[in-house]
Amino acid sequence: MKLVRYGETGREKPGLVDAGGTIRDLSGLIQDIDATALASDFAALKGLDPASLPAVPAGTRLGAPVARVGHFVAIGLNYADHAAETGAPIPSEPIIFSKAPSCIGGPNDDVIIPKSSHKTDWEVEIAIVIGRRASYVHANNALDYVAGYCVCNDVSEREFQMERGGQWMKGKGCPTFGPLGPWLVTRDEIPDVQNLGMWLDVNGERMQTGNTKTMIFDCAQIVSYTSHFMTLEPGDVITTGTPPGVGLGMKPPRFLKPGDVVTLGIDGLGEQRQTFRAYEG
């Protein structure tokens, strides 16, 4: 299934995308796409005929496809060629940091460049959505704990991240820095998560082209590894690193400015589009 949340910010309803691309309203069957629904493996939707559900008007805003995320975990430098472009050594173990759950937004919502930011950057990533409580799980069965996958733009402020001391999360969790979606695609629809093409454009210019097959640590390894340091709960999100082509790695570096439009996508997981805006607080 391709599951969505649609409607006004903070008032989203659950839905699914039918075979023809129409969004169907699920609010009569489940309350939301959240920990409760994920932990049940969407039992209420088994055998459902999407055509029996009300259609959602075309053009309705899409929110992030999972509600009330507890942990928003991120993996750094997980593509060897991305590590090389940033001048960083290839990590021997996954680099784990946090993005603030409050930064999560819809796939096509505006992204706000923070106050005093000069180095806001882009990163197309595949995000894992956890479906079962996971603690000390083995990589051999780690994907059994995954509900599905979605596109993430791991928006990053590089000065905050790398030049201000402390941990990376300062440049990763600013408001609007975590667009997710458009859909949560359930694991059964992705036969090989380690062979998905991914791309990102800025103002129509291709910046990133990659494939999940070049990850240093694959999705199963990431879930397993992370579960040895924290208990992962249904609805938690792990975004898994980016291929080369970020602004930081360009010579000279290139960063986002107000009015820039970023589009990105991953095979089978859909596309996002964000306009970057100046902070006006």
Protein backbone atom coordinates (compact mmCIF):
# COMPACT_ATOMS: atom_id res chain seq x y z
CA MET A 1 0.00 0.00 0.00
CA LYS A 2 0.87 3.64 -0.49
CA LEU A 3 -0.38 5.44 2.61
CA VAL A 4 -0.74 9.20 2.95
CA ARG A 5 -1.92 11.84 5.35
CA TYR A 6 -3.76 14.74 3.75
CA GLY A 7 -5.33 18.04 4.73
CA GLU A 8 -4.44 21.19 6.64
CA THR A 9 -1.31 21.27 8.77
CA GLY A 10 -2.07 19.73 12.14
CA ARG A 11 -5.44 18.37 10.97
CA GLU A 12 -4.33 15.68 8.52
CA LYS A 13 -6.45 12.60 7.86
CA PRO A 14 -5.27 9.14 6.78
CA GLY A 15 -5.58 7.97 3.21
CA LEU A 16 -4.22 5.57 0.64
CA VAL A 17 -3.31 5.89 -3.01
CA ASP A 18 -5.26 3.54 -5.27
CA ALA A 19 -3.94 1.87 -8.42
CA GLY A 20 -5.05 4.83 -10.52
CA GLY A 21 -3.27 7.37 -8.34
CA THR A 22 -6.38 8.71 -6.61
CA ILE A 23 -6.13 9.34 -2.88
CA ARG A 24 -8.87 7.56 -0.91
CA ASP A 25 -10.03 8.60 2.55
CA LEU A 26 -9.28 6.08 5.32
CA SER A 27 -10.61 8.12 8.24
CA GLY A 28 -13.67 5.88 8.56
CA LEU A 29 -11.42 2.86 9.18
CA ILE A 30 -8.39 4.11 11.11
CA GLN A 31 -7.80 7.20 13.19
CA ASP A 32 -4.40 8.05 11.73
CA ILE A 33 -1.22 6.60 10.28
CA ASP A 34 0.55 6.41 13.60
CA ALA A 35 2.09 3.99 16.08
CA THR A 36 -1.25 2.25 16.73
CA ALA A 37 -1.98 1.59 13.07
CA LEU A 38 1.62 0.61 12.30
CA ALA A 39 1.81 -1.83 15.23
CA SER A 40 -1.40 -3.51 14.05
CA ASP A 41 0.10 -4.01 10.58
CA PHE A 42 -2.96 -2.15 9.32
CA ALA A 43 -5.25 -5.04 10.25
CA ALA A 44 -8.31 -2.84 9.60
CA LEU A 45 -7.29 -2.47 5.95
CA LYS A 46 -6.87 -6.14 5.07
CA GLY A 47 -8.94 -7.12 2.04
CA LEU A 48 -10.02 -3.53 1.50
CA ASP A 49 -11.37 -2.45 -1.90
CA PRO A 50 -10.02 1.10 -2.36
CA ALA A 51 -12.82 1.91 -4.80
CA SER A 52 -15.28 1.63 -1.91
CA LEU A 53 -13.69 4.63 -0.17
CA PRO A 54 -14.39 8.32 -0.78
CA ALA A 55 -11.99 10.05 -3.14
CA VAL A 56 -9.97 13.01 -1.87
CA PRO A 57 -10.06 16.07 -4.15
CA ALA A 58 -7.03 16.35 -6.41
CA GLY A 59 -4.52 18.93 -5.24
CA THR A 60 -5.25 18.48 -1.54
CA ARG A 61 -2.18 19.18 0.58
CA LEU A 62 -0.19 16.15 1.71
CA GLY A 63 1.34 16.02 5.18
CA ALA A 64 4.11 13.75 6.38
CA PRO A 65 2.84 10.16 5.92
CA VAL A 66 3.38 9.16 9.57
CA ALA A 67 2.03 11.03 12.60
CA ARG A 68 3.53 11.75 16.01
CA VAL A 69 7.02 10.44 15.31
CA GLY A 70 8.86 9.65 18.54
CA HIS A 71 12.46 9.24 17.39
CA PHE A 72 13.65 10.88 14.16
CA VAL A 73 17.05 9.19 13.79
CA ALA A 74 19.52 9.96 11.02
CA ILE A 75 22.60 8.19 9.66
CA GLY A 76 25.52 10.29 8.48
CA LEU A 77 28.08 9.70 5.73
CA ASN A 78 26.46 6.45 4.61
CA TYR A 79 27.52 6.64 0.95
CA ALA A 80 31.25 6.31 0.29
CA ASP A 81 31.22 8.85 -2.54
CA HIS A 82 29.38 11.38 -0.36
CA ALA A 83 31.96 10.93 2.41
CA ALA A 84 34.68 11.53 -0.16
CA GLU A 85 33.14 14.77 -1.46
CA THR A 86 32.96 16.16 2.08
CA GLY A 87 36.56 15.11 2.85
CA ALA A 88 35.45 12.75 5.63
CA PRO A 89 36.82 9.23 6.16
CA ILE A 90 34.50 6.30 5.49
CA PRO A 91 32.99 5.39 8.87
CA SER A 92 33.69 1.97 10.35
CA GLU A 93 30.32 2.01 12.12
CA PRO A 94 27.14 3.94 11.32
CA ILE A 95 27.18 7.55 12.47
CA ILE A 96 23.94 8.19 14.37
CA PHE A 97 22.47 11.59 15.18
CA SER A 98 18.99 12.99 15.75
CA LYS A 99 16.72 15.30 13.84
CA ALA A 100 14.05 16.97 15.93
CA PRO A 101 10.64 15.39 15.30
CA SER A 102 9.25 18.93 15.31
CA CYS A 103 11.09 19.59 12.02
CA ILE A 104 8.95 17.08 10.12
CA GLY A 105 6.71 18.49 7.40
CA GLY A 106 4.83 17.57 4.29
CA PRO A 107 6.62 16.68 1.05
CA ASN A 108 5.65 19.87 -0.75
CA ASP A 109 5.56 22.34 2.13
CA ASP A 110 7.80 25.39 2.03
CA VAL A 111 11.13 25.06 3.84
CA ILE A 112 12.24 28.01 5.95
CA ILE A 113 15.89 29.02 5.80
CA PRO A 114 16.77 29.69 9.46
CA LYS A 115 17.60 33.08 10.90
CA SER A 116 21.31 33.89 10.35
CA SER A 117 21.73 30.91 8.01
CA HIS A 118 24.20 31.15 5.15
CA LYS A 119 24.76 27.45 4.41
CA THR A 120 21.42 25.66 4.06
CA ASP A 121 21.91 22.48 2.04
CA TRP A 122 19.91 19.62 0.49
CA GLU A 123 20.10 15.82 0.89
CA VAL A 124 17.83 13.25 -0.80
CA GLU A 125 17.48 10.17 1.41
CA ILE A 126 15.38 7.06 1.87
CA ALA A 127 13.74 6.94 5.27
CA ILE A 128 12.75 3.78 7.14
CA VAL A 129 9.51 3.77 9.15
CA ILE A 130 9.49 1.29 12.03
CA GLY A 131 6.45 -0.96 12.43
CA ARG A 132 7.33 -3.12 15.45
CA ARG A 133 9.21 -2.49 18.67
CA ALA A 134 12.86 -3.29 17.95
CA SER A 135 15.54 -3.88 20.56
CA TYR A 136 18.79 -5.75 19.93
CA VAL A 137 17.50 -7.21 16.68
CA HIS A 138 19.79 -9.12 14.30
CA ALA A 139 20.44 -7.82 10.79
CA ASN A 140 19.16 -11.11 9.35
CA ASN A 141 15.61 -10.28 10.38
CA ALA A 142 15.80 -6.53 10.99
CA LEU A 143 13.56 -5.69 8.02
CA ASP A 144 10.75 -7.65 9.69
CA TYR A 145 10.51 -4.66 12.04
CA VAL A 146 10.04 -2.19 9.19
CA ALA A 147 6.58 -0.97 8.19
CA GLY A 148 7.74 0.77 5.03
CA TYR A 149 9.78 3.49 3.41
CA CYS A 150 9.43 7.09 2.27
CA VAL A 151 11.42 9.93 0.71
CA CYS A 152 13.17 12.36 3.05
CA ASN A 153 14.95 15.63 2.32
CA ASP A 154 17.47 15.80 5.17
CA VAL A 155 17.77 19.58 4.97
CA SER A 156 20.95 20.71 6.72
CA GLU A 157 22.50 24.00 7.84
CA ARG A 158 26.20 23.30 7.44
CA GLU A 159 27.54 26.16 9.57
CA PHE A 160 25.27 25.16 12.46
CA GLN A 161 26.18 21.50 11.91
CA MET A 162 29.93 21.70 11.50
CA GLU A 163 31.27 25.08 12.62
CA ARG A 164 29.41 25.83 15.85
CA GLY A 165 30.72 22.99 18.04
CA GLY A 166 28.74 20.26 19.72
CA GLN A 167 26.64 17.76 17.83
CA TRP A 168 25.37 17.69 14.25
CA MET A 169 21.74 17.92 15.31
CA LYS A 170 22.02 21.72 15.65
CA GLY A 171 22.12 21.94 11.86
CA LYS A 172 19.60 19.19 11.24
CA GLY A 173 16.50 19.89 13.32
CA CYS A 174 15.52 23.45 12.43
CA PRO A 175 11.80 23.97 11.76
CA THR A 176 10.71 22.50 8.36
CA PHE A 177 14.06 20.66 7.92
CA GLY A 178 12.44 17.20 7.68
CA PRO A 179 10.07 16.89 4.70
CA LEU A 180 8.73 13.31 4.49
CA GLY A 181 6.59 11.65 1.84
CA PRO A 182 4.59 11.90 -0.32
CA TRP A 183 3.70 8.37 0.72
CA LEU A 184 4.62 5.68 3.19
CA VAL A 185 5.12 2.68 0.91
CA THR A 186 4.68 -0.57 2.79
CA ARG A 187 7.60 -2.97 2.77
CA ASP A 188 5.80 -5.60 0.66
CA GLU A 189 5.73 -3.18 -2.30
CA ILE A 190 9.51 -2.72 -2.32
CA PRO A 191 11.09 -6.04 -3.36
CA ASP A 192 14.67 -4.75 -3.11
CA VAL A 193 15.18 -1.66 -1.00
CA GLN A 194 18.90 -1.81 -1.83
CA ASN A 195 18.40 -1.08 -5.51
CA LEU A 196 16.40 2.14 -5.75
CA GLY A 197 17.46 5.09 -7.87
CA MET A 198 17.37 8.52 -6.24
CA TRP A 199 17.77 12.08 -7.51
CA LEU A 200 17.54 15.73 -6.52
CA ASP A 201 17.33 18.94 -8.58
CA VAL A 202 17.74 22.59 -7.57
CA ASN A 203 15.85 24.99 -9.85
CA GLY A 204 15.67 22.22 -12.45
CA GLU A 205 19.42 21.48 -12.38
CA ARG A 206 20.37 17.93 -11.45
CA MET A 207 22.53 17.91 -8.33
CA GLN A 208 22.26 14.40 -6.93
CA THR A 209 22.00 11.07 -8.70
CA GLY A 210 22.45 7.90 -6.70
CA ASN A 211 21.20 4.47 -5.80
CA THR A 212 20.61 2.77 -2.46
CA LYS A 213 22.85 -0.09 -3.59
CA THR A 214 25.88 2.10 -2.84
CA MET A 215 25.07 2.51 0.86
CA ILE A 216 27.95 1.63 3.18
CA PHE A 217 25.49 0.19 5.73
CA ASP A 218 22.27 -1.15 4.25
CA CYS A 219 18.80 -0.70 5.71
CA ALA A 220 18.86 -4.00 7.61
CA GLN A 221 22.22 -3.17 9.16
CA ILE A 222 21.00 0.30 10.12
CA VAL A 223 17.88 -0.97 11.89
CA SER A 224 19.87 -3.65 13.69
CA TYR A 225 22.67 -1.31 14.72
CA THR A 226 20.37 1.45 15.92
CA SER A 227 18.31 -1.03 17.95
CA HIS A 228 21.42 -1.82 20.02
CA PHE A 229 21.55 1.76 21.29
CA MET A 230 17.86 2.60 21.69
CA THR A 231 14.52 0.87 21.58
CA LEU A 232 12.82 1.66 18.31
CA GLU A 233 9.05 2.01 18.51
CA PRO A 234 6.34 1.86 15.82
CA GLY A 235 6.28 5.17 14.00
CA ASP A 236 9.93 5.99 14.59
CA VAL A 237 11.77 7.16 11.48
CA ILE A 238 15.38 6.53 10.45
CA THR A 239 16.69 8.51 7.50
CA THR A 240 19.66 6.69 6.05
CA GLY A 241 22.16 9.02 4.41
CA THR A 242 22.59 10.74 1.07
CA PRO A 243 24.52 10.10 -2.16
CA PRO A 244 27.00 12.66 -3.53
CA GLY A 245 26.01 16.01 -4.97
CA VAL A 246 25.25 18.12 -1.90
CA GLY A 247 26.04 21.82 -1.93
CA LEU A 248 28.77 21.45 0.69
CA GLY A 249 30.76 19.19 -1.64
CA MET A 250 30.78 21.55 -4.62
CA LYS A 251 33.80 23.65 -5.52
CA PRO A 252 33.05 26.31 -4.53
CA PRO A 253 30.27 25.20 -2.16
CA ARG A 254 26.74 26.15 -3.18
CA PHE A 255 23.90 26.71 -0.76
CA LEU A 256 20.20 27.45 -0.96
CA LYS A 257 18.73 30.93 -1.04
CA PRO A 258 15.15 32.24 -0.80
CA GLY A 259 13.11 31.36 -3.87
CA ASP A 260 15.08 28.25 -4.76
CA VAL A 261 12.96 25.22 -5.66
CA VAL A 262 14.17 21.74 -4.75
CA THR A 263 12.62 18.63 -6.30
CA LEU A 264 13.65 15.11 -5.37
CA GLY A 265 12.49 11.53 -5.63
CA ILE A 266 13.24 7.84 -5.20
CA ASP A 267 12.09 4.97 -7.41
CA GLY A 268 8.75 3.63 -6.19
CA LEU A 269 8.52 6.13 -3.33
CA GLY A 270 7.35 9.25 -5.14
CA GLU A 271 8.59 12.81 -5.43
CA GLN A 272 8.80 15.98 -3.35
CA ARG A 273 8.90 19.67 -4.24
CA GLN A 274 9.86 22.45 -1.84
CA THR A 275 10.24 26.19 -2.22
CA PHE A 276 12.81 27.65 0.18
CA ARG A 277 11.75 30.81 1.99
CA ALA A 278 13.54 33.33 4.19
CA TYR A 279 12.89 33.35 7.93
CA GLU A 280 10.46 36.17 8.74
CA GLY A 281 10.09 35.91 12.53
